[in-house]
Amino acid sequence: MGKLLNTIKIVQSRLNPELAIEGILLTMYDMRLRLSNQVVEEVKTHFQDMVFDTIIQRNTKLGEAPSFGESIIMHDAASKGAINYLNLAREILQNNNMTGMSAEEKVMTDKVMEKLKISRELIPIKRKKLNYVN
């Protein structure tokens, strides 16, 4: 964490004094590993509200997608990794009030999802292959 803070300070002082951090994204999370859970706890304790609620979990499909030259959404939209990244996109849009949803609707949506035990995951959509014509 010390290196991360140092890197941010260096970039702000040398390259972009107006640099603002949107948030800290935790990736390669494996809930089975005690170390992963400890890292999440420590980062959330230290950085508090700067940490995104969405955590990108370790997933084989995330590793496969680049070797096929595809994004995770195009490779397997129903995979855990794709769902995590879609949730991240939604979270960023909501944090920046770009969803067209009122604060009340956001709270209602979260409550409904919690009640349905969806736990902030998007319902996977079937992947469609897009054919581009030049």
C-alpha atoms as a PDB file:
ATOM      1  CA  MET A   1       0.000   0.000   0.000  1.00  0.00           C
ATOM      2  CA  GLY A   2       2.922   2.274   0.668  1.00  0.00           C
ATOM      3  CA  LYS A   3       4.073   1.866  -2.936  1.00  0.00           C
ATOM      4  CA  LEU A   4       0.589   2.673  -4.234  1.00  0.00           C
ATOM      5  CA  LEU A   5       0.387   5.876  -2.196  1.00  0.00           C
ATOM      6  CA  ASN A   6       3.900   6.804  -3.296  1.00  0.00           C
ATOM      7  CA  THR A   7       3.045   6.241  -6.967  1.00  0.00           C
ATOM      8  CA  ILE A   8      -0.056   8.439  -6.682  1.00  0.00           C
ATOM      9  CA  LYS A   9       1.989  11.228  -5.071  1.00  0.00           C
ATOM     10  CA  ILE A  10       4.680  11.007  -7.769  1.00  0.00           C
ATOM     11  CA  VAL A  11       2.131  11.171 -10.611  1.00  0.00           C
ATOM     12  CA  GLN A  12       0.322  14.082  -8.968  1.00  0.00           C
ATOM     13  CA  SER A  13       3.511  16.059  -8.323  1.00  0.00           C
ATOM     14  CA  ARG A  14       5.333  15.408 -11.604  1.00  0.00           C
ATOM     15  CA  LEU A  15       2.717  14.726 -14.259  1.00  0.00           C
ATOM     16  CA  ASN A  16      -0.739  15.874 -13.233  1.00  0.00           C
ATOM     17  CA  PRO A  17      -1.345  17.931 -10.090  1.00  0.00           C
ATOM     18  CA  GLU A  18      -5.100  17.804 -10.747  1.00  0.00           C
ATOM     19  CA  LEU A  19      -5.176  14.007 -10.821  1.00  0.00           C
ATOM     20  CA  ALA A  20      -8.125  12.692  -8.863  1.00  0.00           C
ATOM     21  CA  ILE A  21      -8.520   9.054  -7.929  1.00  0.00           C
ATOM     22  CA  GLU A  22     -11.915   7.639  -8.930  1.00  0.00           C
ATOM     23  CA  GLY A  23     -11.456   4.655  -6.697  1.00  0.00           C
ATOM     24  CA  ILE A  24      -9.392   1.629  -5.837  1.00  0.00           C
ATOM     25  CA  LEU A  25     -10.336  -1.622  -7.540  1.00  0.00           C
ATOM     26  CA  LEU A  26      -9.507  -4.917  -5.882  1.00  0.00           C
ATOM     27  CA  THR A  27      -8.741  -7.650  -8.421  1.00  0.00           C
ATOM     28  CA  MET A  28      -7.652 -11.293  -8.500  1.00  0.00           C
ATOM     29  CA  TYR A  29      -9.738 -11.939  -5.399  1.00  0.00           C
ATOM     30  CA  ASP A  30     -10.149 -15.569  -4.330  1.00  0.00           C
ATOM     31  CA  MET A  31     -12.575 -15.953  -1.442  1.00  0.00           C
ATOM     32  CA  ARG A  32     -11.020 -19.326  -0.536  1.00  0.00           C
ATOM     33  CA  LEU A  33      -7.708 -17.724   0.359  1.00  0.00           C
ATOM     34  CA  ARG A  34      -7.235 -16.174   3.772  1.00  0.00           C
ATOM     35  CA  LEU A  35      -4.659 -13.775   2.307  1.00  0.00           C
ATOM     36  CA  SER A  36      -7.206 -12.407  -0.188  1.00  0.00           C
ATOM     37  CA  ASN A  37      -9.643 -11.712   2.620  1.00  0.00           C
ATOM     38  CA  GLN A  38      -6.941 -10.053   4.717  1.00  0.00           C
ATOM     39  CA  VAL A  39      -5.887  -7.813   1.812  1.00  0.00           C
ATOM     40  CA  VAL A  40      -9.495  -6.738   1.204  1.00  0.00           C
ATOM     41  CA  GLU A  41      -9.933  -5.952   4.901  1.00  0.00           C
ATOM     42  CA  GLU A  42      -6.698  -3.981   5.124  1.00  0.00           C
ATOM     43  CA  VAL A  43      -7.287  -1.983   1.944  1.00  0.00           C
ATOM     44  CA  LYS A  44     -10.868  -1.141   2.972  1.00  0.00           C
ATOM     45  CA  THR A  45      -9.681  -0.143   6.453  1.00  0.00           C
ATOM     46  CA  HIS A  46      -6.933   2.090   5.083  1.00  0.00           C
ATOM     47  CA  PHE A  47      -8.683   3.631   2.062  1.00  0.00           C
ATOM     48  CA  GLN A  48     -12.314   3.377   3.314  1.00  0.00           C
ATOM     49  CA  ASP A  49     -14.717   5.034   0.843  1.00  0.00           C
ATOM     50  CA  MET A  50     -12.158   5.092  -1.975  1.00  0.00           C
ATOM     51  CA  VAL A  51     -12.460   1.320  -2.476  1.00  0.00           C
ATOM     52  CA  PHE A  52     -15.053   0.218  -5.007  1.00  0.00           C
ATOM     53  CA  ASP A  53     -17.746  -2.104  -3.634  1.00  0.00           C
ATOM     54  CA  THR A  54     -17.219  -4.300  -6.689  1.00  0.00           C
ATOM     55  CA  ILE A  55     -14.356  -6.785  -6.405  1.00  0.00           C
ATOM     56  CA  ILE A  56     -13.023  -8.593  -9.476  1.00  0.00           C
ATOM     57  CA  GLN A  57     -12.780 -12.256  -8.584  1.00  0.00           C
ATOM     58  CA  ARG A  58     -10.184 -14.643  -9.952  1.00  0.00           C
ATOM     59  CA  ASN A  59     -11.657 -16.407 -12.953  1.00  0.00           C
ATOM     60  CA  THR A  60     -10.208 -18.641 -15.684  1.00  0.00           C
ATOM     61  CA  LYS A  61     -12.327 -16.925 -18.336  1.00  0.00           C
ATOM     62  CA  LEU A  62     -10.616 -13.610 -17.514  1.00  0.00           C
ATOM     63  CA  GLY A  63      -7.284 -15.232 -18.355  1.00  0.00           C
ATOM     64  CA  GLU A  64      -8.592 -16.869 -21.538  1.00  0.00           C
ATOM     65  CA  ALA A  65     -10.216 -13.803 -23.104  1.00  0.00           C
ATOM     66  CA  PRO A  66      -7.000 -11.944 -24.116  1.00  0.00           C
ATOM     67  CA  SER A  67      -5.554 -15.058 -25.782  1.00  0.00           C
ATOM     68  CA  PHE A  68      -8.638 -15.070 -28.033  1.00  0.00           C
ATOM     69  CA  GLY A  69      -8.239 -11.342 -28.672  1.00  0.00           C
ATOM     70  CA  GLU A  70     -11.565 -10.628 -27.000  1.00  0.00           C
ATOM     71  CA  SER A  71     -12.854  -8.639 -24.079  1.00  0.00           C
ATOM     72  CA  ILE A  72     -14.314 -10.688 -21.254  1.00  0.00           C
ATOM     73  CA  ILE A  73     -17.805  -9.519 -22.264  1.00  0.00           C
ATOM     74  CA  MET A  74     -17.366 -10.834 -25.808  1.00  0.00           C
ATOM     75  CA  HIS A  75     -15.595 -13.994 -24.664  1.00  0.00           C
ATOM     76  CA  ASP A  76     -18.112 -15.095 -22.037  1.00  0.00           C
ATOM     77  CA  ALA A  77     -20.650 -12.528 -20.845  1.00  0.00           C
ATOM     78  CA  ALA A  78     -22.069 -15.003 -18.333  1.00  0.00           C
ATOM     79  CA  SER A  79     -18.747 -15.607 -16.563  1.00  0.00           C
ATOM     80  CA  LYS A  80     -18.107 -14.374 -13.048  1.00  0.00           C
ATOM     81  CA  GLY A  81     -15.389 -12.021 -14.327  1.00  0.00           C
ATOM     82  CA  ALA A  82     -17.679 -10.440 -16.921  1.00  0.00           C
ATOM     83  CA  ILE A  83     -20.393  -9.958 -14.318  1.00  0.00           C
ATOM     84  CA  ASN A  84     -17.842  -8.366 -11.965  1.00  0.00           C
ATOM     85  CA  TYR A  85     -16.733  -5.888 -14.655  1.00  0.00           C
ATOM     86  CA  LEU A  86     -20.327  -5.063 -15.602  1.00  0.00           C
ATOM     87  CA  ASN A  87     -21.020  -4.395 -11.930  1.00  0.00           C
ATOM     88  CA  LEU A  88     -17.966  -2.135 -11.799  1.00  0.00           C
ATOM     89  CA  ALA A  89     -19.240  -0.165 -14.800  1.00  0.00           C
ATOM     90  CA  ARG A  90     -22.632   0.198 -13.135  1.00  0.00           C
ATOM     91  CA  GLU A  91     -21.017   1.298  -9.872  1.00  0.00           C
ATOM     92  CA  ILE A  92     -18.890   3.959 -11.602  1.00  0.00           C
ATOM     93  CA  LEU A  93     -21.910   5.269 -13.497  1.00  0.00           C
ATOM     94  CA  GLN A  94     -23.981   5.387 -10.317  1.00  0.00           C
ATOM     95  CA  ASN A  95     -21.190   7.105  -8.367  1.00  0.00           C
ATOM     96  CA  ASN A  96     -21.055   9.791 -11.049  1.00  0.00           C
ATOM     97  CA  ASN A  97     -24.843  10.128 -11.336  1.00  0.00           C
ATOM     98  CA  MET A  98     -24.789   8.966 -14.948  1.00  0.00           C
ATOM     99  CA  THR A  99     -27.414   6.226 -14.772  1.00  0.00           C
ATOM    100  CA  GLY A 100     -30.501   8.374 -15.063  1.00  0.00           C
ATOM    101  CA  MET A 101     -31.644   6.850 -11.776  1.00  0.00           C
ATOM    102  CA  SER A 102     -32.576   8.963  -8.796  1.00  0.00           C
ATOM    103  CA  ALA A 103     -30.914   8.260  -5.442  1.00  0.00           C
ATOM    104  CA  GLU A 104     -34.211   6.778  -4.280  1.00  0.00           C
ATOM    105  CA  GLU A 105     -34.333   4.395  -7.262  1.00  0.00           C
ATOM    106  CA  LYS A 106     -30.730   3.283  -6.599  1.00  0.00           C
ATOM    107  CA  VAL A 107     -31.583   2.440  -2.998  1.00  0.00           C
ATOM    108  CA  MET A 108     -34.724   0.614  -4.106  1.00  0.00           C
ATOM    109  CA  THR A 109     -32.782  -1.357  -6.714  1.00  0.00           C
ATOM    110  CA  ASP A 110     -30.179  -2.402  -4.138  1.00  0.00           C
ATOM    111  CA  LYS A 111     -32.903  -3.418  -1.675  1.00  0.00           C
ATOM    112  CA  VAL A 112     -34.718  -5.517  -4.294  1.00  0.00           C
ATOM    113  CA  MET A 113     -31.473  -7.185  -5.363  1.00  0.00           C
ATOM    114  CA  GLU A 114     -30.609  -7.884  -1.725  1.00  0.00           C
ATOM    115  CA  LYS A 115     -34.036  -9.383  -1.100  1.00  0.00           C
ATOM    116  CA  LEU A 116     -33.715 -11.598  -4.168  1.00  0.00           C
ATOM    117  CA  LYS A 117     -30.233 -12.637  -2.981  1.00  0.00           C
ATOM    118  CA  ILE A 118     -28.706 -11.409  -6.253  1.00  0.00           C
ATOM    119  CA  SER A 119     -26.011  -9.616  -4.236  1.00  0.00           C
ATOM    120  CA  ARG A 120     -25.347  -6.900  -6.772  1.00  0.00           C
ATOM    121  CA  GLU A 121     -24.676  -9.321  -9.619  1.00  0.00           C
ATOM    122  CA  LEU A 122     -26.173  -8.661 -12.985  1.00  0.00           C
ATOM    123  CA  ILE A 123     -28.284 -11.375 -14.499  1.00  0.00           C
ATOM    124  CA  PRO A 124     -26.116 -12.841 -17.261  1.00  0.00           C
ATOM    125  CA  ILE A 125     -27.171 -12.156 -20.829  1.00  0.00           C
ATOM    126  CA  LYS A 126     -26.623 -14.451 -23.778  1.00  0.00           C
ATOM    127  CA  ARG A 127     -23.627 -13.503 -25.849  1.00  0.00           C
ATOM    128  CA  LYS A 128     -24.260 -12.371 -29.403  1.00  0.00           C
ATOM    129  CA  LYS A 129     -21.555 -12.362 -31.999  1.00  0.00           C
ATOM    130  CA  LEU A 130     -21.460  -8.998 -33.746  1.00  0.00           C
ATOM    131  CA  ASN A 131     -20.470  -8.893 -37.385  1.00  0.00           C
ATOM    132  CA  TYR A 132     -18.863  -5.631 -38.413  1.00  0.00           C
ATOM    133  CA  VAL A 133     -19.012  -4.498 -42.007  1.00  0.00           C
ATOM    134  CA  ASN A 134     -16.456  -2.006 -43.279  1.00  0.00           C
END
